[in-house]
Every structure is written in C-alpha cells, then in structure tokens.
C-alpha cells in the first residue's frame, strides 16, 4: 500500500515554493534584489526563514525561479499570438502582413515593463561577478533563446519562409534591439516605443533575415 504523507509533503513543498516565487517577484520589483531582505519575502509569502532556505539557497537562486516563471509566461503569450497570426483564414495575406500582425499583438500583449528590465539588469550585473551564478543564468538564457527560436521557426514554416541565418542568432538580434529600446527609455525617463519597434522596426529586420523556402 502506497504511503500518502510523502505525496502530501511534495504538494505542500511545491505550494510553498510557488508562493515564495510569487511574493518575491512583487517584492523584488518594489525594492530591488539587493535591498530586499529575505525576511521581507518570507513575510509577504506568509512563511518563516526556514521555509525559504529549505527551497532556495540565496535571493539570487530565488530570482532565477522568478525569471524562469516570467519567461515561461511570456513565451506562452508569444506562442498564442503566433498560432493565431499564422492560422489559415481563407484569405490571401502577405508575409509582411503576417509579421506586422504578430508584432502588433506582441506590442499590445507583451507590455514592456521598465521596472522588470531594471530588475533583470541588476541580476545580470550581479551574475557576471559570480562564476557559478553566471553559468546558471547563461543556461537559462540559452533555454529562452532556444524556445523563442522554435516559435520563430514554426511561424516561418507556416508562412513558407526560411531564415537565412540560424534562428537562434536572429532571436538574439531581435532581443538585443528590444533591450536597447528599454535601455533608451530608462535613461531618457520616457515610455518605450514598443508600437514602432514591433510593427515597423522588427518587420524590416525580419524581412532582411528571411527568404522563401526553396522548392
């Protein structure tokens, strides 16, 4: 007969971790990683320090969990946008129109968050000074690039197009442009111009990187 307590313990531990991650995201966004004491995260989640350290070694370890969850949510949103944009409609539509449709939906749904950008930049700076953390963060980043590249490849296949460069390199280029716009907005204390970025700049960059599939 299978014992039930370990299974309940697993569920309880998973719920504890989920609440810590959710609380940490809000607290980090308000106070930054550096200025957030572990006690404040525990208080927001309704747990003790013991619960924190039984799930995470450091605040940076917890932030990686926050980052993973945030990126997973954004990738899911992007996947829904792409699936809707490339789904057959019975009407003739150009590749450019499909790309602009995807860009406009991303600009509306994936709202740029300067506070999140500042938090991510803070973490990157810290990770660069820690060989262990840098390695782990790099693995997470590569995973994100792989997943976004897979989405891009799927969209290209559905549109009968191919990338003239490795799709992962194309994704890195587009992400770099996105980050540059957020950086500009932060330093100029203005709102990022995501509408222009996604519906004008990205389509032109994408057009330079893709070509019809060879028959």
N, C-alpha and C. Protein backbone atom coordinates (compact mmCIF):
# COMPACT_ATOMS: atom_id res chain seq x y z
N UNK A 1 0.85 -1.19 0.00
CA UNK A 1 0.00 0.00 0.00
C UNK A 1 0.88 1.25 0.00
N UNK A 2 0.61 2.17 -0.92
CA UNK A 2 1.44 3.36 -1.04
C UNK A 2 1.18 4.33 0.10
N UNK A 3 2.23 4.84 0.68
CA UNK A 3 2.08 5.79 1.77
C UNK A 3 1.72 7.16 1.21
N UNK A 4 0.80 7.86 1.86
CA UNK A 4 0.31 9.15 1.39
C UNK A 4 1.10 10.36 1.90
N UNK A 5 1.65 10.34 3.11
CA UNK A 5 2.34 11.54 3.63
C UNK A 5 3.40 12.12 2.71
N UNK A 6 4.29 11.29 2.10
CA UNK A 6 5.31 11.89 1.22
C UNK A 6 4.69 12.64 0.06
N UNK A 7 3.58 12.13 -0.51
CA UNK A 7 2.93 12.80 -1.63
C UNK A 7 2.35 14.13 -1.17
N UNK A 8 1.73 14.14 0.00
CA UNK A 8 1.19 15.39 0.53
C UNK A 8 2.31 16.37 0.81
N UNK A 9 3.44 15.84 1.29
CA UNK A 9 4.59 16.70 1.57
C UNK A 9 5.13 17.32 0.29
N UNK A 10 5.13 16.54 -0.79
CA UNK A 10 5.60 17.06 -2.07
C UNK A 10 4.70 18.18 -2.55
N UNK A 11 3.39 17.98 -2.44
CA UNK A 11 2.45 19.02 -2.85
C UNK A 11 2.61 20.27 -1.99
N UNK A 12 2.80 20.07 -0.68
CA UNK A 12 2.96 21.20 0.23
C UNK A 12 4.23 21.97 -0.10
N UNK A 13 5.30 21.24 -0.41
CA UNK A 13 6.56 21.88 -0.74
C UNK A 13 6.44 22.68 -2.05
N UNK A 14 5.74 22.10 -3.01
CA UNK A 14 5.54 22.79 -4.29
C UNK A 14 4.73 24.07 -4.09
N UNK A 15 3.73 24.01 -3.24
CA UNK A 15 2.91 25.20 -2.97
C UNK A 15 3.71 26.25 -2.23
N UNK A 16 4.55 25.83 -1.29
CA UNK A 16 5.42 26.77 -0.58
C UNK A 16 6.34 27.49 -1.56
N UNK A 17 6.93 26.73 -2.46
CA UNK A 17 7.84 27.30 -3.46
C UNK A 17 7.09 28.28 -4.36
N UNK A 18 5.90 27.89 -4.79
CA UNK A 18 5.11 28.76 -5.66
C UNK A 18 4.80 30.09 -4.99
N UNK A 19 4.42 30.04 -3.72
CA UNK A 19 4.08 31.28 -3.00
C UNK A 19 5.31 32.14 -2.77
N UNK A 20 6.45 31.53 -2.50
CA UNK A 20 7.68 32.29 -2.33
C UNK A 20 8.08 33.00 -3.63
N UNK A 21 7.94 32.30 -4.75
CA UNK A 21 8.28 32.89 -6.05
C UNK A 21 7.35 34.05 -6.36
N UNK A 22 6.05 33.87 -6.13
CA UNK A 22 5.08 34.92 -6.41
C UNK A 22 5.33 36.15 -5.54
N UNK A 23 5.61 35.92 -4.26
CA UNK A 23 5.88 37.03 -3.35
C UNK A 23 7.17 37.73 -3.72
N UNK A 24 8.19 36.95 -4.07
CA UNK A 24 9.50 37.52 -4.40
C UNK A 24 9.41 38.43 -5.61
N UNK A 25 8.63 38.05 -6.62
CA UNK A 25 8.51 38.88 -7.81
C UNK A 25 8.02 40.28 -7.44
N UNK A 26 6.97 40.35 -6.64
CA UNK A 26 6.41 41.64 -6.25
C UNK A 26 7.38 42.44 -5.38
N UNK A 27 8.00 41.77 -4.42
CA UNK A 27 8.91 42.46 -3.51
C UNK A 27 10.17 42.92 -4.24
N UNK A 28 10.72 42.08 -5.10
CA UNK A 28 11.90 42.46 -5.88
C UNK A 28 11.60 43.67 -6.75
N UNK A 29 10.44 43.67 -7.40
CA UNK A 29 10.08 44.78 -8.28
C UNK A 29 9.96 46.09 -7.51
N UNK A 30 9.53 45.99 -6.27
CA UNK A 30 9.36 47.20 -5.46
C UNK A 30 10.66 47.68 -4.83
N UNK A 31 11.52 46.74 -4.40
CA UNK A 31 12.69 47.13 -3.61
C UNK A 31 14.04 46.82 -4.27
N UNK A 32 14.07 46.06 -5.34
CA UNK A 32 15.28 45.56 -5.99
C UNK A 32 15.76 44.31 -5.26
N UNK A 33 16.62 43.56 -5.93
CA UNK A 33 17.15 42.32 -5.32
C UNK A 33 18.06 42.66 -4.14
N UNK A 34 18.96 43.61 -4.35
CA UNK A 34 19.94 43.97 -3.32
C UNK A 34 19.28 44.45 -2.04
N UNK A 35 18.25 45.28 -2.17
CA UNK A 35 17.64 45.92 -1.00
C UNK A 35 16.49 45.12 -0.40
N UNK A 36 16.28 43.92 -0.88
CA UNK A 36 15.21 43.09 -0.34
C UNK A 36 15.77 42.08 0.66
N UNK A 37 15.44 42.19 1.93
CA UNK A 37 15.88 41.18 2.90
C UNK A 37 15.03 39.91 2.76
N UNK A 38 15.62 38.79 3.07
CA UNK A 38 14.90 37.53 2.99
C UNK A 38 13.65 37.57 3.85
N UNK A 39 13.75 38.23 5.00
CA UNK A 39 12.60 38.30 5.91
C UNK A 39 11.39 38.94 5.25
N UNK A 40 11.62 39.94 4.39
CA UNK A 40 10.51 40.63 3.74
C UNK A 40 9.80 39.71 2.75
N UNK A 41 10.57 38.90 2.06
CA UNK A 41 9.97 37.93 1.14
C UNK A 41 9.15 36.91 1.92
N UNK A 42 9.72 36.42 3.02
CA UNK A 42 9.02 35.44 3.85
C UNK A 42 7.73 36.02 4.42
N UNK A 43 7.79 37.26 4.86
CA UNK A 43 6.60 37.91 5.41
C UNK A 43 5.52 38.04 4.34
N UNK A 44 5.91 38.43 3.14
CA UNK A 44 4.94 38.60 2.05
C UNK A 44 4.31 37.27 1.65
N UNK A 45 5.10 36.19 1.75
CA UNK A 45 4.60 34.87 1.37
C UNK A 45 3.90 34.16 2.52
N UNK A 46 4.11 34.66 3.74
CA UNK A 46 3.49 34.03 4.91
C UNK A 46 4.25 32.84 5.44
N UNK A 47 5.59 32.87 5.29
CA UNK A 47 6.41 31.75 5.75
C UNK A 47 7.57 32.24 6.62
N UNK A 48 8.27 31.27 7.21
CA UNK A 48 9.43 31.57 8.03
C UNK A 48 10.70 31.52 7.18
N UNK A 49 11.81 31.97 7.75
CA UNK A 49 13.11 31.88 7.06
C UNK A 49 13.45 30.42 6.75
N UNK A 50 13.02 29.54 7.64
CA UNK A 50 13.29 28.12 7.42
C UNK A 50 12.66 27.62 6.12
N UNK A 51 11.44 28.08 5.85
CA UNK A 51 10.76 27.68 4.61
C UNK A 51 11.52 28.19 3.40
N UNK A 52 12.06 29.41 3.52
CA UNK A 52 12.84 29.98 2.41
C UNK A 52 14.06 29.13 2.13
N UNK A 53 14.86 28.87 3.17
CA UNK A 53 16.13 28.18 2.98
C UNK A 53 15.98 26.69 2.72
N UNK A 54 14.79 26.16 2.92
CA UNK A 54 14.57 24.77 2.54
C UNK A 54 14.24 24.65 1.06
N UNK A 55 14.00 25.80 0.40
CA UNK A 55 13.68 25.80 -1.02
C UNK A 55 14.72 26.52 -1.88
N UNK A 56 15.38 27.52 -1.30
CA UNK A 56 16.33 28.33 -2.06
C UNK A 56 17.58 28.59 -1.23
N UNK A 57 18.73 28.60 -1.89
CA UNK A 57 19.98 28.84 -1.18
C UNK A 57 20.21 30.33 -0.95
N UNK A 58 19.85 31.16 -1.94
CA UNK A 58 20.09 32.60 -1.85
C UNK A 58 18.95 33.36 -2.52
N UNK A 59 18.97 34.68 -2.37
CA UNK A 59 17.99 35.51 -3.08
C UNK A 59 18.16 35.39 -4.58
N UNK A 60 19.41 35.27 -5.02
CA UNK A 60 19.67 35.14 -6.45
C UNK A 60 19.11 33.82 -6.99
N UNK A 61 19.21 32.78 -6.18
CA UNK A 61 18.64 31.49 -6.54
C UNK A 61 17.13 31.63 -6.71
N UNK A 62 16.50 32.37 -5.82
CA UNK A 62 15.06 32.62 -5.90
C UNK A 62 14.73 33.45 -7.14
N UNK A 63 15.57 34.44 -7.44
CA UNK A 63 15.29 35.27 -8.61
C UNK A 63 15.33 34.44 -9.90
N UNK A 64 16.22 33.46 -9.97
CA UNK A 64 16.26 32.59 -11.14
C UNK A 64 14.92 31.88 -11.32
N UNK A 65 14.29 31.49 -10.22
CA UNK A 65 12.97 30.86 -10.29
C UNK A 65 11.93 31.86 -10.78
N UNK A 66 12.04 33.11 -10.29
CA UNK A 66 11.13 34.17 -10.75
C UNK A 66 11.32 34.40 -12.24
N UNK A 67 12.59 34.46 -12.67
CA UNK A 67 12.91 34.69 -14.07
C UNK A 67 12.36 33.57 -14.95
N UNK A 68 12.54 32.34 -14.52
CA UNK A 68 12.06 31.19 -15.29
C UNK A 68 10.55 31.26 -15.46
N UNK A 69 9.84 31.59 -14.40
CA UNK A 69 8.38 31.67 -14.46
C UNK A 69 7.93 32.83 -15.36
N UNK A 70 8.62 33.98 -15.24
CA UNK A 70 8.28 35.14 -16.05
C UNK A 70 8.49 34.85 -17.53
N UNK A 71 9.61 34.25 -17.88
CA UNK A 71 9.90 33.96 -19.27
C UNK A 71 8.94 32.91 -19.83
N UNK A 72 8.58 31.93 -19.02
CA UNK A 72 7.64 30.89 -19.46
C UNK A 72 6.29 31.52 -19.80
N UNK A 73 5.85 32.48 -18.97
CA UNK A 73 4.58 33.15 -19.23
C UNK A 73 4.64 33.97 -20.52
N UNK A 74 5.75 34.66 -20.74
CA UNK A 74 5.88 35.49 -21.94
C UNK A 74 6.00 34.63 -23.20
N UNK A 75 6.67 33.51 -23.09
CA UNK A 75 6.78 32.60 -24.23
C UNK A 75 5.41 32.01 -24.57
N UNK A 76 4.63 31.66 -23.55
CA UNK A 76 3.29 31.13 -23.78
C UNK A 76 2.42 32.18 -24.49
N UNK A 77 2.53 33.45 -24.07
CA UNK A 77 1.79 34.51 -24.72
C UNK A 77 2.20 34.65 -26.18
N UNK A 78 3.50 34.61 -26.42
CA UNK A 78 4.01 34.74 -27.78
C UNK A 78 3.55 33.57 -28.64
N UNK A 79 3.53 32.37 -28.07
CA UNK A 79 3.08 31.20 -28.81
C UNK A 79 1.62 31.37 -29.24
N UNK A 80 0.78 31.85 -28.35
CA UNK A 80 -0.63 32.06 -28.68
C UNK A 80 -0.78 33.10 -29.79
N UNK A 81 0.02 34.15 -29.71
CA UNK A 81 -0.02 35.22 -30.72
C UNK A 81 0.36 34.67 -32.09
N UNK A 82 1.45 33.90 -32.15
CA UNK A 82 1.93 33.35 -33.41
C UNK A 82 0.93 32.36 -33.99
N UNK A 83 0.40 31.47 -33.16
CA UNK A 83 -0.57 30.48 -33.63
C UNK A 83 -1.78 31.17 -34.25
N UNK A 84 -2.24 32.23 -33.62
CA UNK A 84 -3.40 32.95 -34.14
C UNK A 84 -3.05 33.68 -35.44
N UNK A 85 -1.84 34.24 -35.51
CA UNK A 85 -1.45 35.02 -36.69
C UNK A 85 -1.22 34.17 -37.92
N UNK A 86 -0.74 32.94 -37.74
CA UNK A 86 -0.41 32.10 -38.90
C UNK A 86 -1.50 31.08 -39.21
N UNK A 87 -2.56 31.06 -38.41
CA UNK A 87 -3.65 30.12 -38.66
C UNK A 87 -4.34 30.45 -39.99
N UNK A 88 -4.70 29.44 -40.78
CA UNK A 88 -5.37 29.68 -42.06
C UNK A 88 -6.68 30.45 -41.86
N UNK A 89 -6.91 31.45 -42.70
CA UNK A 89 -8.13 32.26 -42.61
C UNK A 89 -8.96 32.18 -43.88
N UNK A 90 -8.41 31.56 -44.92
CA UNK A 90 -9.13 31.50 -46.18
C UNK A 90 -8.90 32.73 -47.05
N UNK A 91 -8.17 33.70 -46.51
CA UNK A 91 -7.87 34.92 -47.26
C UNK A 91 -6.38 34.99 -47.56
N UNK A 92 -6.07 35.59 -48.70
CA UNK A 92 -4.67 35.75 -49.07
C UNK A 92 -4.03 36.83 -48.21
N UNK A 93 -2.89 36.52 -47.62
CA UNK A 93 -2.21 37.50 -46.77
C UNK A 93 -0.71 37.40 -47.00
N UNK A 94 -0.08 38.56 -47.15
CA UNK A 94 1.36 38.57 -47.42
C UNK A 94 2.14 38.23 -46.16
N UNK A 95 3.39 37.83 -46.37
CA UNK A 95 4.27 37.55 -45.24
C UNK A 95 4.45 38.80 -44.39
N UNK A 96 4.60 39.95 -45.06
CA UNK A 96 4.77 41.21 -44.32
C UNK A 96 3.57 41.47 -43.43
N UNK A 97 2.37 41.25 -43.95
CA UNK A 97 1.17 41.48 -43.14
C UNK A 97 1.13 40.55 -41.94
N UNK A 98 1.55 39.30 -42.14
CA UNK A 98 1.57 38.34 -41.03
C UNK A 98 2.57 38.78 -39.96
N UNK A 99 3.73 39.25 -40.39
CA UNK A 99 4.75 39.69 -39.43
C UNK A 99 4.27 40.92 -38.67
N UNK A 100 3.64 41.86 -39.37
CA UNK A 100 3.12 43.06 -38.70
C UNK A 100 2.01 42.69 -37.72
N UNK A 101 1.17 41.72 -38.10
CA UNK A 101 0.10 41.26 -37.21
C UNK A 101 0.69 40.69 -35.92
N UNK A 102 1.72 39.86 -36.07
CA UNK A 102 2.39 39.28 -34.90
C UNK A 102 3.00 40.40 -34.05
N UNK A 103 3.67 41.35 -34.71
CA UNK A 103 4.30 42.45 -33.99
C UNK A 103 3.32 43.31 -33.23
N UNK A 104 2.19 43.63 -33.87
CA UNK A 104 1.18 44.46 -33.21
C UNK A 104 0.60 43.75 -31.99
N UNK A 105 0.37 42.44 -32.11
CA UNK A 105 -0.17 41.68 -30.98
C UNK A 105 0.85 41.61 -29.84
N UNK A 106 2.12 41.46 -30.20
CA UNK A 106 3.17 41.43 -29.17
C UNK A 106 3.28 42.78 -28.48
N UNK A 107 3.20 43.85 -29.24
CA UNK A 107 3.30 45.20 -28.66
C UNK A 107 2.17 45.45 -27.67
N UNK A 108 1.01 44.86 -27.95
CA UNK A 108 -0.16 45.06 -27.08
C UNK A 108 -0.15 44.12 -25.88
N UNK A 109 0.24 42.87 -26.10
CA UNK A 109 0.15 41.86 -25.05
C UNK A 109 1.40 41.76 -24.18
N UNK A 110 2.57 41.85 -24.82
CA UNK A 110 3.82 41.75 -24.06
C UNK A 110 4.28 43.16 -23.69
N UNK A 111 3.54 43.79 -22.81
CA UNK A 111 3.81 45.17 -22.45
C UNK A 111 5.20 45.29 -21.82
N UNK A 112 5.99 46.19 -22.36
CA UNK A 112 7.34 46.41 -21.82
C UNK A 112 7.24 46.96 -20.40
N UNK A 113 8.00 46.42 -19.52
CA UNK A 113 7.97 46.83 -18.12
C UNK A 113 9.36 47.31 -17.74
N UNK A 114 9.53 48.62 -17.59
CA UNK A 114 10.85 49.16 -17.28
C UNK A 114 11.34 48.68 -15.92
N UNK A 115 10.42 48.49 -14.99
CA UNK A 115 10.82 48.02 -13.67
C UNK A 115 11.39 46.61 -13.75
N UNK A 116 10.76 45.75 -14.56
CA UNK A 116 11.28 44.41 -14.75
C UNK A 116 12.64 44.46 -15.43
N UNK A 117 12.79 45.35 -16.40
CA UNK A 117 14.06 45.50 -17.10
C UNK A 117 15.17 45.91 -16.12
N UNK A 118 14.86 46.83 -15.22
CA UNK A 118 15.85 47.26 -14.22
C UNK A 118 16.23 46.10 -13.31
N UNK A 119 15.23 45.33 -12.93
CA UNK A 119 15.49 44.17 -12.05
C UNK A 119 16.36 43.15 -12.77
N UNK A 120 16.07 42.88 -14.02
CA UNK A 120 16.85 41.92 -14.79
C UNK A 120 18.27 42.42 -15.01
N UNK A 121 18.41 43.71 -15.25
CA UNK A 121 19.75 44.29 -15.44
C UNK A 121 20.57 44.19 -14.16
N UNK A 122 19.91 44.41 -13.02
CA UNK A 122 20.60 44.28 -11.73
C UNK A 122 21.09 42.85 -11.54
N UNK A 123 20.24 41.90 -11.86
CA UNK A 123 20.63 40.50 -11.70
C UNK A 123 21.78 40.14 -12.62
N UNK A 124 21.72 40.59 -13.87
CA UNK A 124 22.79 40.29 -14.83
C UNK A 124 24.13 40.81 -14.34
N UNK A 125 24.12 42.03 -13.80
CA UNK A 125 25.36 42.63 -13.31
C UNK A 125 25.94 41.80 -12.16
N UNK A 126 25.05 41.32 -11.29
CA UNK A 126 25.50 40.51 -10.16
C UNK A 126 26.00 39.16 -10.65
N UNK A 127 25.29 38.56 -11.62
CA UNK A 127 25.66 37.24 -12.13
C UNK A 127 27.02 37.26 -12.82
N UNK A 128 27.34 38.38 -13.48
CA UNK A 128 28.61 38.47 -14.18
C UNK A 128 29.80 38.38 -13.23
N UNK A 129 29.58 38.70 -11.95
CA UNK A 129 30.66 38.67 -10.97
C UNK A 129 30.75 37.33 -10.23
N UNK A 130 29.84 36.42 -10.53
CA UNK A 130 29.84 35.12 -9.87
C UNK A 130 29.90 34.03 -10.94
N UNK A 131 30.97 33.26 -10.95
CA UNK A 131 31.13 32.24 -11.99
C UNK A 131 30.01 31.21 -11.95
N UNK A 132 29.61 30.78 -10.75
CA UNK A 132 28.55 29.78 -10.62
C UNK A 132 27.22 30.35 -11.08
N UNK A 133 26.89 31.56 -10.62
CA UNK A 133 25.62 32.18 -10.98
C UNK A 133 25.60 32.54 -12.46
N UNK A 134 26.75 32.95 -12.98
CA UNK A 134 26.84 33.29 -14.40
C UNK A 134 26.55 32.07 -15.27
N UNK A 135 27.06 30.92 -14.85
CA UNK A 135 26.83 29.69 -15.60
C UNK A 135 25.35 29.32 -15.60
N UNK A 136 24.73 29.39 -14.43
CA UNK A 136 23.32 29.03 -14.33
C UNK A 136 22.44 30.01 -15.11
N UNK A 137 22.74 31.31 -14.98
CA UNK A 137 21.97 32.32 -15.70
C UNK A 137 22.13 32.14 -17.20
N UNK A 138 23.35 31.79 -17.63
CA UNK A 138 23.60 31.56 -19.05
C UNK A 138 22.79 30.40 -19.59
N UNK A 139 22.66 29.35 -18.79
CA UNK A 139 21.88 28.18 -19.21
C UNK A 139 20.41 28.56 -19.35
N UNK A 140 19.88 29.36 -18.42
CA UNK A 140 18.50 29.82 -18.51
C UNK A 140 18.30 30.65 -19.76
N UNK A 141 19.26 31.55 -20.03
CA UNK A 141 19.14 32.45 -21.18
C UNK A 141 19.15 31.66 -22.48
N UNK A 142 20.03 30.67 -22.59
CA UNK A 142 20.09 29.85 -23.78
C UNK A 142 18.80 29.08 -23.98
N UNK A 143 18.21 28.63 -22.88
CA UNK A 143 16.95 27.91 -22.97
C UNK A 143 15.85 28.82 -23.53
N UNK A 144 15.83 30.07 -23.07
CA UNK A 144 14.85 31.03 -23.58
C UNK A 144 15.06 31.25 -25.08
N UNK A 145 16.32 31.44 -25.48
CA UNK A 145 16.62 31.64 -26.90
C UNK A 145 16.17 30.44 -27.73
N UNK A 146 16.40 29.24 -27.22
CA UNK A 146 16.01 28.03 -27.94
C UNK A 146 14.49 27.98 -28.12
N UNK A 147 13.75 28.31 -27.07
CA UNK A 147 12.30 28.22 -27.14
C UNK A 147 11.73 29.28 -28.07
N UNK A 148 12.27 30.50 -28.01
CA UNK A 148 11.79 31.55 -28.90
C UNK A 148 12.18 31.23 -30.34
N UNK A 149 13.37 30.68 -30.55
CA UNK A 149 13.80 30.29 -31.89
C UNK A 149 12.87 29.22 -32.46
N UNK A 150 12.41 28.30 -31.62
CA UNK A 150 11.48 27.27 -32.07
C UNK A 150 10.16 27.90 -32.50
N UNK A 151 9.70 28.90 -31.77
CA UNK A 151 8.48 29.61 -32.16
C UNK A 151 8.67 30.33 -33.49
N UNK A 152 9.83 30.96 -33.65
CA UNK A 152 10.13 31.67 -34.89
C UNK A 152 10.17 30.69 -36.06
N UNK A 153 10.81 29.54 -35.86
CA UNK A 153 10.89 28.54 -36.92
C UNK A 153 9.51 28.04 -37.31
N UNK A 154 8.66 27.83 -36.32
CA UNK A 154 7.29 27.38 -36.59
C UNK A 154 6.54 28.41 -37.43
N UNK A 155 6.67 29.70 -37.07
CA UNK A 155 6.00 30.75 -37.82
C UNK A 155 6.51 30.79 -39.26
N UNK A 156 7.82 30.66 -39.45
CA UNK A 156 8.39 30.69 -40.79
C UNK A 156 7.89 29.50 -41.62
N UNK A 157 7.85 28.32 -41.02
CA UNK A 157 7.36 27.14 -41.72
C UNK A 157 5.92 27.34 -42.18
N UNK A 158 5.10 27.91 -41.31
CA UNK A 158 3.70 28.11 -41.64
C UNK A 158 3.53 29.14 -42.75
N UNK A 159 4.47 30.08 -42.86
CA UNK A 159 4.39 31.12 -43.90
C UNK A 159 5.17 30.75 -45.15
N UNK A 160 5.76 29.54 -45.16
CA UNK A 160 6.52 29.11 -46.33
C UNK A 160 7.82 29.87 -46.49
N UNK A 161 8.41 30.29 -45.37
CA UNK A 161 9.65 31.06 -45.39
C UNK A 161 10.75 30.31 -44.64
N UNK A 162 11.96 30.77 -44.79
CA UNK A 162 13.10 30.22 -44.06
C UNK A 162 14.00 31.37 -43.62
N UNK A 163 14.75 31.12 -42.56
CA UNK A 163 15.70 32.12 -42.09
C UNK A 163 17.02 31.93 -42.80
N UNK A 164 17.64 33.02 -43.22
CA UNK A 164 18.93 32.94 -43.90
C UNK A 164 20.09 32.91 -42.91
N UNK A 165 19.77 33.03 -41.64
CA UNK A 165 20.76 32.85 -40.58
C UNK A 165 20.17 31.87 -39.58
N UNK A 166 20.98 31.37 -38.69
CA UNK A 166 20.48 30.49 -37.63
C UNK A 166 19.38 31.23 -36.87
N UNK A 167 18.24 30.58 -36.66
CA UNK A 167 17.12 31.25 -36.00
C UNK A 167 17.49 31.73 -34.61
N UNK A 168 18.41 31.04 -33.94
CA UNK A 168 18.84 31.49 -32.61
C UNK A 168 19.59 32.80 -32.70
N UNK A 169 20.39 32.97 -33.77
CA UNK A 169 21.09 34.23 -33.97
C UNK A 169 20.10 35.34 -34.28
N UNK A 170 19.07 35.03 -35.06
CA UNK A 170 18.04 36.02 -35.38
C UNK A 170 17.32 36.46 -34.11
N UNK A 171 17.02 35.50 -33.25
CA UNK A 171 16.35 35.82 -31.98
C UNK A 171 17.23 36.70 -31.11
N UNK A 172 18.51 36.38 -31.03
CA UNK A 172 19.43 37.20 -30.23
C UNK A 172 19.47 38.63 -30.75
N UNK A 173 19.46 38.79 -32.07
CA UNK A 173 19.48 40.13 -32.66
C UNK A 173 18.23 40.91 -32.31
N UNK A 174 17.07 40.26 -32.40
CA UNK A 174 15.80 40.93 -32.09
C UNK A 174 15.71 41.28 -30.61
N UNK A 175 16.18 40.37 -29.75
CA UNK A 175 16.16 40.64 -28.31
C UNK A 175 17.09 41.80 -27.97
N UNK A 176 18.23 41.88 -28.65
CA UNK A 176 19.17 42.98 -28.42
C UNK A 176 18.53 44.32 -28.78
N UNK A 177 17.77 44.35 -29.88
CA UNK A 177 17.08 45.59 -30.27
C UNK A 177 16.02 45.94 -29.22
N UNK A 178 15.30 44.94 -28.76
CA UNK A 178 14.27 45.15 -27.73
C UNK A 178 14.89 45.72 -26.46
N UNK A 179 15.99 45.12 -26.01
CA UNK A 179 16.68 45.60 -24.80
C UNK A 179 17.21 47.01 -24.98
N UNK A 180 17.68 47.32 -26.19
CA UNK A 180 18.21 48.66 -26.45
C UNK A 180 17.12 49.72 -26.33
N UNK A 181 15.91 49.39 -26.77
CA UNK A 181 14.80 50.34 -26.65
C UNK A 181 14.41 50.54 -25.19
N UNK A 182 14.42 49.47 -24.41
CA UNK A 182 14.13 49.60 -22.98
C UNK A 182 15.21 50.42 -22.28
N UNK A 183 16.46 50.19 -22.64
CA UNK A 183 17.56 50.96 -22.06
C UNK A 183 17.41 52.45 -22.39
N UNK A 184 17.07 52.75 -23.64
CA UNK A 184 16.87 54.15 -24.04
C UNK A 184 15.75 54.78 -23.22
N UNK A 185 14.65 54.05 -23.05
CA UNK A 185 13.51 54.58 -22.30
C UNK A 185 13.86 54.83 -20.84
N UNK A 186 14.65 53.92 -20.25
CA UNK A 186 15.04 54.07 -18.85
C UNK A 186 15.92 55.31 -18.67
N UNK A 187 16.94 55.46 -19.51
CA UNK A 187 17.87 56.58 -19.35
C UNK A 187 17.25 57.92 -19.74
N UNK A 188 16.26 57.90 -20.62
CA UNK A 188 15.61 59.16 -21.01
C UNK A 188 14.35 59.43 -20.21
N UNK A 189 14.01 58.48 -19.31
CA UNK A 189 12.82 58.61 -18.46
C UNK A 189 11.56 58.81 -19.29
N UNK A 190 11.43 58.02 -20.35
CA UNK A 190 10.25 58.06 -21.22
C UNK A 190 9.69 56.66 -21.34
N UNK A 191 8.51 56.57 -21.94
CA UNK A 191 7.92 55.26 -22.17
C UNK A 191 8.56 54.62 -23.41
N UNK A 192 8.84 53.33 -23.36
CA UNK A 192 9.40 52.66 -24.53
C UNK A 192 8.43 52.66 -25.69
N UNK A 193 8.93 52.86 -26.88
CA UNK A 193 8.09 52.93 -28.07
C UNK A 193 7.94 51.54 -28.68
N UNK A 194 7.15 50.70 -28.01
CA UNK A 194 7.01 49.32 -28.45
C UNK A 194 6.18 49.20 -29.72
N UNK A 195 5.25 50.13 -29.94
CA UNK A 195 4.43 50.08 -31.15
C UNK A 195 5.30 50.18 -32.38
N UNK A 196 6.16 51.18 -32.42
CA UNK A 196 7.06 51.36 -33.56
C UNK A 196 8.05 50.20 -33.67
N UNK A 197 8.53 49.75 -32.53
CA UNK A 197 9.52 48.67 -32.53
C UNK A 197 8.96 47.39 -33.14
N UNK A 198 7.76 47.01 -32.70
CA UNK A 198 7.20 45.74 -33.13
C UNK A 198 6.52 45.79 -34.50
N UNK A 199 6.00 46.94 -34.90
CA UNK A 199 5.26 46.98 -36.16
C UNK A 199 6.04 47.62 -37.31
N UNK A 200 7.16 48.26 -37.02
CA UNK A 200 7.94 48.88 -38.08
C UNK A 200 9.38 48.34 -38.12
N UNK A 201 10.07 48.41 -37.00
CA UNK A 201 11.48 48.02 -36.99
C UNK A 201 11.64 46.51 -37.10
N UNK A 202 10.96 45.74 -36.25
CA UNK A 202 11.08 44.29 -36.29
C UNK A 202 10.71 43.70 -37.66
N UNK A 203 9.59 44.13 -38.27
CA UNK A 203 9.27 43.58 -39.60
C UNK A 203 10.35 43.85 -40.63
N UNK A 204 10.98 45.02 -40.59
CA UNK A 204 12.04 45.33 -41.55
C UNK A 204 13.29 44.49 -41.29
N UNK A 205 13.61 44.31 -40.01
CA UNK A 205 14.76 43.45 -39.68
C UNK A 205 14.46 42.01 -40.10
N UNK A 206 13.24 41.55 -39.79
CA UNK A 206 12.87 40.19 -40.14
C UNK A 206 12.91 39.98 -41.65
N UNK A 207 12.44 40.98 -42.40
CA UNK A 207 12.43 40.87 -43.86
C UNK A 207 13.85 40.70 -44.42
N UNK A 208 14.82 41.28 -43.74
CA UNK A 208 16.21 41.18 -44.20
C UNK A 208 16.82 39.83 -43.83
N UNK A 209 16.18 39.11 -42.93
CA UNK A 209 16.76 37.85 -42.44
C UNK A 209 16.09 36.61 -43.02
N UNK A 210 14.96 36.78 -43.73
CA UNK A 210 14.22 35.61 -44.21
C UNK A 210 14.09 35.64 -45.72
N UNK A 211 13.75 34.47 -46.27
CA UNK A 211 13.56 34.32 -47.70
C UNK A 211 12.58 33.17 -47.92
N UNK A 212 11.97 33.09 -49.10
CA UNK A 212 11.05 31.98 -49.38
C UNK A 212 11.78 30.64 -49.31
N UNK A 213 11.08 29.63 -48.86
CA UNK A 213 11.65 28.29 -48.82
C UNK A 213 11.95 27.81 -50.24
N UNK A 214 13.05 27.11 -50.40
CA UNK A 214 13.40 26.59 -51.71
C UNK A 214 12.51 25.40 -52.05
N UNK A 215 12.05 25.37 -53.27
CA UNK A 215 11.17 24.28 -53.67
C UNK A 215 11.92 23.26 -54.52
